[in-house]
Amino acid sequence: QVQLVESGGGLVQAGGSLRLSCAASGFTFSSYAMGWFRQVPGKEREFVAAISRSGSSTRYPDSVKGRFTISRDNAKNTVYLEMNSLKPEDTALYYCAAGFQISTILPSTPGDYHYWGQGSQVTVSS
């Protein structure tokens, strides 16, 4: 069955770094765009990053651009999220997701993604 398993979350001080990993199985990883989202209680799930099937294209919202980097290793069926200069407002449950890339624009809404992981908690203390 399809599985996406996130790891690497934890507690970090403001200004610090974390690297999230998401191991995929049960589907053809290289055929899917991959994304990262985050969510805090009471708020909608927020887009964080996306990467194309080959890894040649990426997309970020302004809130994380320049601080977060998404990458993937298709040989390992794994997608990563490198997070630097973390801020308390980055505190959230982080999810990885797999979706189809229909156009040249990478998907950025939760409805565009079909498979989801269970999430990894990231807490940034001030």
N, C-alpha and C. Protein backbone atom coordinates (compact mmCIF):
# COMPACT_ATOMS: atom_id res chain seq x y z
N GLN A 1 0.82 -1.18 0.00
CA GLN A 1 0.00 0.00 0.00
C GLN A 1 0.87 1.25 0.00
N VAL A 2 0.27 2.37 -0.35
CA VAL A 2 1.00 3.63 -0.40
C VAL A 2 1.37 4.07 1.01
N GLN A 3 2.63 4.44 1.16
CA GLN A 3 3.09 4.98 2.44
C GLN A 3 4.01 6.15 2.20
N LEU A 4 3.82 7.19 3.00
CA LEU A 4 4.73 8.32 3.07
C LEU A 4 5.04 8.50 4.55
N VAL A 5 6.32 8.38 4.89
CA VAL A 5 6.71 8.42 6.30
C VAL A 5 7.71 9.55 6.51
N GLU A 6 7.27 10.56 7.25
CA GLU A 6 8.14 11.70 7.55
C GLU A 6 9.00 11.40 8.78
N SER A 7 10.18 12.03 8.79
CA SER A 7 11.06 11.93 9.95
C SER A 7 11.93 13.19 9.99
N GLY A 8 12.57 13.41 11.14
CA GLY A 8 13.51 14.51 11.26
C GLY A 8 13.00 15.72 12.01
N GLY A 9 11.74 15.69 12.40
CA GLY A 9 11.21 16.83 13.16
C GLY A 9 11.76 16.85 14.57
N GLY A 10 11.46 17.92 15.29
CA GLY A 10 11.92 18.03 16.66
C GLY A 10 11.84 19.45 17.16
N LEU A 11 12.53 19.69 18.26
CA LEU A 11 12.56 21.00 18.90
C LEU A 11 13.89 21.68 18.58
N VAL A 12 13.81 22.92 18.14
CA VAL A 12 15.02 23.66 17.79
C VAL A 12 14.84 25.12 18.21
N GLN A 13 15.92 25.78 18.50
CA GLN A 13 15.87 27.20 18.85
C GLN A 13 15.73 28.05 17.59
N ALA A 14 15.17 29.21 17.76
CA ALA A 14 15.07 30.15 16.65
C ALA A 14 16.44 30.41 16.05
N GLY A 15 16.49 30.43 14.72
CA GLY A 15 17.75 30.58 14.02
C GLY A 15 18.43 29.27 13.67
N GLY A 16 17.91 28.20 14.22
CA GLY A 16 18.50 26.89 13.98
C GLY A 16 18.01 26.24 12.69
N SER A 17 18.41 25.00 12.51
CA SER A 17 18.09 24.27 11.28
C SER A 17 17.58 22.88 11.59
N LEU A 18 16.77 22.38 10.69
CA LEU A 18 16.31 21.00 10.73
C LEU A 18 16.19 20.48 9.30
N ARG A 19 16.32 19.17 9.17
CA ARG A 19 16.12 18.55 7.88
C ARG A 19 15.07 17.44 8.01
N LEU A 20 13.97 17.63 7.29
CA LEU A 20 12.93 16.62 7.26
C LEU A 20 13.16 15.67 6.09
N SER A 21 12.83 14.41 6.31
CA SER A 21 12.87 13.42 5.25
C SER A 21 11.49 12.78 5.12
N CYS A 22 11.19 12.31 3.93
CA CYS A 22 9.93 11.62 3.69
C CYS A 22 10.22 10.44 2.78
N ALA A 23 10.08 9.24 3.33
CA ALA A 23 10.33 8.02 2.57
C ALA A 23 9.02 7.51 1.98
N ALA A 24 9.03 7.27 0.68
CA ALA A 24 7.82 6.86 -0.04
C ALA A 24 7.90 5.40 -0.46
N SER A 25 6.76 4.75 -0.48
CA SER A 25 6.67 3.37 -0.97
C SER A 25 5.26 3.10 -1.45
N GLY A 26 5.13 2.07 -2.29
CA GLY A 26 3.81 1.66 -2.75
C GLY A 26 3.32 2.35 -4.01
N PHE A 27 4.11 3.24 -4.59
CA PHE A 27 3.74 3.89 -5.83
C PHE A 27 5.03 4.28 -6.56
N THR A 28 4.88 4.68 -7.81
CA THR A 28 6.05 5.04 -8.62
C THR A 28 6.46 6.47 -8.29
N PHE A 29 7.38 6.57 -7.37
CA PHE A 29 7.78 7.85 -6.79
C PHE A 29 8.17 8.86 -7.86
N SER A 30 8.95 8.45 -8.82
CA SER A 30 9.48 9.37 -9.82
C SER A 30 8.41 9.91 -10.77
N SER A 31 7.20 9.38 -10.70
CA SER A 31 6.11 9.86 -11.55
C SER A 31 5.29 10.96 -10.90
N TYR A 32 5.61 11.30 -9.68
CA TYR A 32 4.82 12.26 -8.92
C TYR A 32 5.64 13.49 -8.52
N ALA A 33 4.97 14.64 -8.62
CA ALA A 33 5.52 15.81 -7.95
C ALA A 33 5.37 15.59 -6.45
N MET A 34 6.27 16.17 -5.68
CA MET A 34 6.22 16.03 -4.23
C MET A 34 6.12 17.40 -3.57
N GLY A 35 5.40 17.43 -2.48
CA GLY A 35 5.22 18.70 -1.79
C GLY A 35 5.35 18.55 -0.30
N TRP A 36 5.58 19.67 0.36
CA TRP A 36 5.55 19.76 1.82
C TRP A 36 4.51 20.82 2.20
N PHE A 37 3.74 20.48 3.20
CA PHE A 37 2.76 21.39 3.77
C PHE A 37 2.94 21.41 5.28
N ARG A 38 2.35 22.40 5.91
CA ARG A 38 2.37 22.45 7.37
C ARG A 38 1.03 22.93 7.89
N GLN A 39 0.77 22.57 9.13
CA GLN A 39 -0.51 22.93 9.71
C GLN A 39 -0.37 23.11 11.22
N VAL A 40 -1.03 24.15 11.72
CA VAL A 40 -1.14 24.35 13.16
C VAL A 40 -2.61 24.21 13.52
N PRO A 41 -2.90 23.82 14.74
CA PRO A 41 -4.30 23.61 15.13
C PRO A 41 -5.15 24.84 14.89
N GLY A 42 -6.30 24.63 14.29
CA GLY A 42 -7.22 25.71 14.05
C GLY A 42 -6.99 26.48 12.77
N LYS A 43 -5.94 26.11 12.04
CA LYS A 43 -5.65 26.81 10.79
C LYS A 43 -5.64 25.82 9.63
N GLU A 44 -5.76 26.37 8.42
CA GLU A 44 -5.72 25.53 7.24
C GLU A 44 -4.30 25.05 6.96
N ARG A 45 -4.24 23.95 6.23
CA ARG A 45 -2.94 23.43 5.83
C ARG A 45 -2.29 24.41 4.86
N GLU A 46 -1.02 24.71 5.11
CA GLU A 46 -0.29 25.74 4.36
C GLU A 46 0.79 25.12 3.48
N PHE A 47 0.85 25.57 2.25
CA PHE A 47 1.87 25.11 1.32
C PHE A 47 3.25 25.62 1.74
N VAL A 48 4.25 24.73 1.68
CA VAL A 48 5.61 25.08 2.08
C VAL A 48 6.59 24.95 0.92
N ALA A 49 6.47 23.88 0.14
CA ALA A 49 7.42 23.68 -0.96
C ALA A 49 6.90 22.58 -1.87
N ALA A 50 7.34 22.63 -3.11
CA ALA A 50 7.03 21.57 -4.07
C ALA A 50 8.21 21.36 -4.99
N ILE A 51 8.32 20.14 -5.51
CA ILE A 51 9.41 19.81 -6.42
C ILE A 51 8.87 18.93 -7.54
N SER A 52 9.39 19.14 -8.72
CA SER A 52 8.92 18.41 -9.88
C SER A 52 9.41 16.95 -9.84
N ARG A 53 8.90 16.16 -10.75
CA ARG A 53 9.23 14.73 -10.78
C ARG A 53 10.73 14.49 -10.91
N SER A 54 11.38 15.28 -11.74
CA SER A 54 12.82 15.10 -11.96
C SER A 54 13.67 15.82 -10.92
N GLY A 55 13.04 16.76 -10.22
CA GLY A 55 13.78 17.57 -9.27
C GLY A 55 14.33 18.85 -9.86
N SER A 56 14.06 19.11 -11.13
CA SER A 56 14.64 20.27 -11.80
C SER A 56 13.91 21.57 -11.47
N SER A 57 12.67 21.47 -11.00
CA SER A 57 11.89 22.67 -10.68
C SER A 57 11.40 22.61 -9.25
N THR A 58 11.40 23.77 -8.61
CA THR A 58 10.90 23.89 -7.24
C THR A 58 10.01 25.12 -7.13
N ARG A 59 9.24 25.14 -6.04
CA ARG A 59 8.34 26.26 -5.82
C ARG A 59 8.19 26.47 -4.32
N TYR A 60 8.18 27.74 -3.90
CA TYR A 60 8.06 28.08 -2.48
C TYR A 60 7.16 29.30 -2.32
N PRO A 61 6.47 29.40 -1.20
CA PRO A 61 5.78 30.65 -0.90
C PRO A 61 6.80 31.65 -0.35
N ASP A 62 6.43 32.90 -0.34
CA ASP A 62 7.35 33.95 0.13
C ASP A 62 7.75 33.74 1.59
N SER A 63 6.88 33.11 2.37
CA SER A 63 7.15 32.96 3.80
C SER A 63 8.37 32.09 4.10
N VAL A 64 8.76 31.22 3.17
CA VAL A 64 9.90 30.34 3.43
C VAL A 64 11.00 30.47 2.37
N LYS A 65 10.73 31.23 1.32
CA LYS A 65 11.71 31.35 0.23
C LYS A 65 13.03 31.89 0.75
N GLY A 66 14.10 31.26 0.36
CA GLY A 66 15.43 31.65 0.82
C GLY A 66 15.86 30.98 2.11
N ARG A 67 14.92 30.37 2.82
CA ARG A 67 15.24 29.69 4.08
C ARG A 67 15.07 28.17 3.96
N PHE A 68 14.09 27.73 3.19
CA PHE A 68 13.80 26.31 3.04
C PHE A 68 14.22 25.84 1.65
N THR A 69 14.67 24.59 1.58
CA THR A 69 15.05 23.99 0.31
C THR A 69 14.48 22.58 0.22
N ILE A 70 13.74 22.33 -0.84
CA ILE A 70 13.21 20.99 -1.08
C ILE A 70 14.11 20.29 -2.09
N SER A 71 14.31 19.00 -1.89
CA SER A 71 15.09 18.20 -2.83
C SER A 71 14.54 16.78 -2.81
N ARG A 72 14.96 16.00 -3.77
CA ARG A 72 14.49 14.61 -3.82
C ARG A 72 15.58 13.71 -4.37
N ASP A 73 15.50 12.46 -3.99
CA ASP A 73 16.40 11.43 -4.50
C ASP A 73 15.51 10.30 -5.02
N ASN A 74 15.34 10.24 -6.32
CA ASN A 74 14.43 9.25 -6.89
C ASN A 74 14.96 7.83 -6.75
N ALA A 75 16.25 7.68 -6.62
CA ALA A 75 16.83 6.35 -6.41
C ALA A 75 16.48 5.82 -5.02
N LYS A 76 16.26 6.73 -4.09
CA LYS A 76 15.94 6.34 -2.71
C LYS A 76 14.47 6.55 -2.38
N ASN A 77 13.69 7.01 -3.34
CA ASN A 77 12.26 7.27 -3.11
C ASN A 77 12.06 8.18 -1.90
N THR A 78 12.85 9.22 -1.82
CA THR A 78 12.82 10.09 -0.65
C THR A 78 12.84 11.56 -1.08
N VAL A 79 12.05 12.35 -0.37
CA VAL A 79 12.07 13.80 -0.56
C VAL A 79 12.49 14.45 0.76
N TYR A 80 13.18 15.55 0.66
CA TYR A 80 13.75 16.22 1.82
C TYR A 80 13.28 17.67 1.89
N LEU A 81 13.31 18.20 3.10
CA LEU A 81 13.06 19.62 3.30
C LEU A 81 14.11 20.13 4.27
N GLU A 82 15.04 20.90 3.74
CA GLU A 82 16.06 21.53 4.56
C GLU A 82 15.52 22.87 5.02
N MET A 83 15.49 23.08 6.34
CA MET A 83 14.92 24.30 6.90
C MET A 83 15.99 25.03 7.70
N ASN A 84 16.30 26.23 7.27
CA ASN A 84 17.31 27.05 7.94
C ASN A 84 16.68 28.34 8.47
N SER A 85 17.41 29.00 9.35
CA SER A 85 16.95 30.26 9.94
C SER A 85 15.52 30.14 10.44
N LEU A 86 15.26 29.10 11.18
CA LEU A 86 13.91 28.81 11.63
C LEU A 86 13.40 29.89 12.59
N LYS A 87 12.09 30.14 12.49
CA LYS A 87 11.43 31.14 13.31
C LYS A 87 10.33 30.46 14.13
N PRO A 88 9.95 31.05 15.24
CA PRO A 88 8.85 30.46 16.03
C PRO A 88 7.58 30.24 15.20
N GLU A 89 7.33 31.11 14.25
CA GLU A 89 6.13 30.95 13.41
C GLU A 89 6.22 29.78 12.44
N ASP A 90 7.38 29.13 12.35
CA ASP A 90 7.50 27.92 11.54
C ASP A 90 7.02 26.69 12.31
N THR A 91 6.70 26.85 13.58
CA THR A 91 6.21 25.75 14.39
C THR A 91 4.92 25.20 13.81
N ALA A 92 4.90 23.89 13.53
CA ALA A 92 3.73 23.27 12.91
C ALA A 92 3.97 21.78 12.76
N LEU A 93 2.93 21.09 12.37
CA LEU A 93 3.04 19.69 11.95
C LEU A 93 3.29 19.70 10.44
N TYR A 94 4.39 19.12 10.03
CA TYR A 94 4.80 19.16 8.63
C TYR A 94 4.45 17.84 7.95
N TYR A 95 3.80 17.96 6.79
CA TYR A 95 3.37 16.81 6.02
C TYR A 95 4.06 16.77 4.66
N CYS A 96 4.42 15.59 4.20
CA CYS A 96 4.81 15.47 2.80
C CYS A 96 3.64 14.86 2.03
N ALA A 97 3.63 15.13 0.73
CA ALA A 97 2.51 14.69 -0.09
C ALA A 97 2.98 14.44 -1.52
N ALA A 98 2.26 13.58 -2.21
CA ALA A 98 2.56 13.26 -3.61
C ALA A 98 1.37 13.60 -4.48
N GLY A 99 1.63 14.24 -5.62
CA GLY A 99 0.54 14.62 -6.51
C GLY A 99 0.99 14.66 -7.96
N PHE A 100 0.01 14.74 -8.84
CA PHE A 100 0.33 14.83 -10.26
C PHE A 100 0.70 16.26 -10.63
N GLN A 101 1.64 16.38 -11.53
CA GLN A 101 2.00 17.69 -12.07
C GLN A 101 1.43 17.76 -13.48
N ILE A 102 0.35 18.51 -13.62
CA ILE A 102 -0.36 18.55 -14.90
C ILE A 102 0.25 19.59 -15.84
N SER A 103 0.71 20.70 -15.29
CA SER A 103 1.27 21.76 -16.11
C SER A 103 2.70 22.04 -15.66
N THR A 104 3.27 23.10 -16.21
CA THR A 104 4.63 23.46 -15.81
C THR A 104 4.65 24.10 -14.42
N ILE A 105 3.46 24.49 -13.94
CA ILE A 105 3.38 25.11 -12.62
C ILE A 105 3.17 24.01 -11.58
N LEU A 106 4.03 23.96 -10.60
CA LEU A 106 3.93 22.94 -9.57
C LEU A 106 2.71 23.19 -8.69
N PRO A 107 2.02 22.13 -8.31
CA PRO A 107 0.81 22.29 -7.48
C PRO A 107 1.13 22.80 -6.09
N SER A 108 0.25 23.66 -5.58
CA SER A 108 0.48 24.27 -4.28
C SER A 108 -0.73 24.22 -3.35
N THR A 109 -1.79 23.56 -3.76
CA THR A 109 -2.96 23.45 -2.88
C THR A 109 -3.12 22.00 -2.45
N PRO A 110 -3.61 21.78 -1.24
CA PRO A 110 -3.74 20.40 -0.74
C PRO A 110 -4.58 19.51 -1.65
N GLY A 111 -5.58 20.07 -2.30
CA GLY A 111 -6.44 19.28 -3.17
C GLY A 111 -5.74 18.71 -4.39
N ASP A 112 -4.56 19.25 -4.71
CA ASP A 112 -3.80 18.76 -5.86
C ASP A 112 -2.96 17.53 -5.52
N TYR A 113 -2.92 17.18 -4.26
CA TYR A 113 -2.09 16.07 -3.81
C TYR A 113 -2.95 14.89 -3.39
N HIS A 114 -2.47 13.69 -3.72
CA HIS A 114 -3.29 12.50 -3.56
C HIS A 114 -2.87 11.62 -2.39
N TYR A 115 -1.60 11.60 -2.10
CA TYR A 115 -1.09 10.76 -1.02
C TYR A 115 -0.43 11.65 0.03
N TRP A 116 -0.66 11.31 1.29
CA TRP A 116 -0.17 12.12 2.40
C TRP A 116 0.48 11.25 3.46
N GLY A 117 1.50 11.83 4.10
CA GLY A 117 2.09 11.21 5.26
C GLY A 117 1.33 11.59 6.52
N GLN A 118 1.82 11.09 7.65
CA GLN A 118 1.16 11.33 8.94
C GLN A 118 1.65 12.61 9.63
N GLY A 119 2.75 13.13 9.14
CA GLY A 119 3.24 14.39 9.69
C GLY A 119 4.39 14.22 10.67
N SER A 120 5.19 15.27 10.76
CA SER A 120 6.32 15.32 11.69
C SER A 120 6.30 16.69 12.34
N GLN A 121 6.33 16.69 13.67
CA GLN A 121 6.20 17.95 14.41
C GLN A 121 7.52 18.71 14.42
N VAL A 122 7.42 19.98 14.10
CA VAL A 122 8.56 20.90 14.20
C VAL A 122 8.17 22.00 15.17
N THR A 123 8.98 22.18 16.20
CA THR A 123 8.74 23.22 17.20
C THR A 123 9.97 24.10 17.30
N VAL A 124 9.76 25.40 17.10
CA VAL A 124 10.85 26.37 17.14
C VAL A 124 10.63 27.27 18.35
N SER A 125 11.56 27.23 19.27
CA SER A 125 11.45 28.04 20.49
C SER A 125 12.14 29.39 20.28
N SER A 126 11.60 30.39 20.97
CA SER A 126 12.16 31.74 20.82
C SER A 126 13.23 32.01 21.85
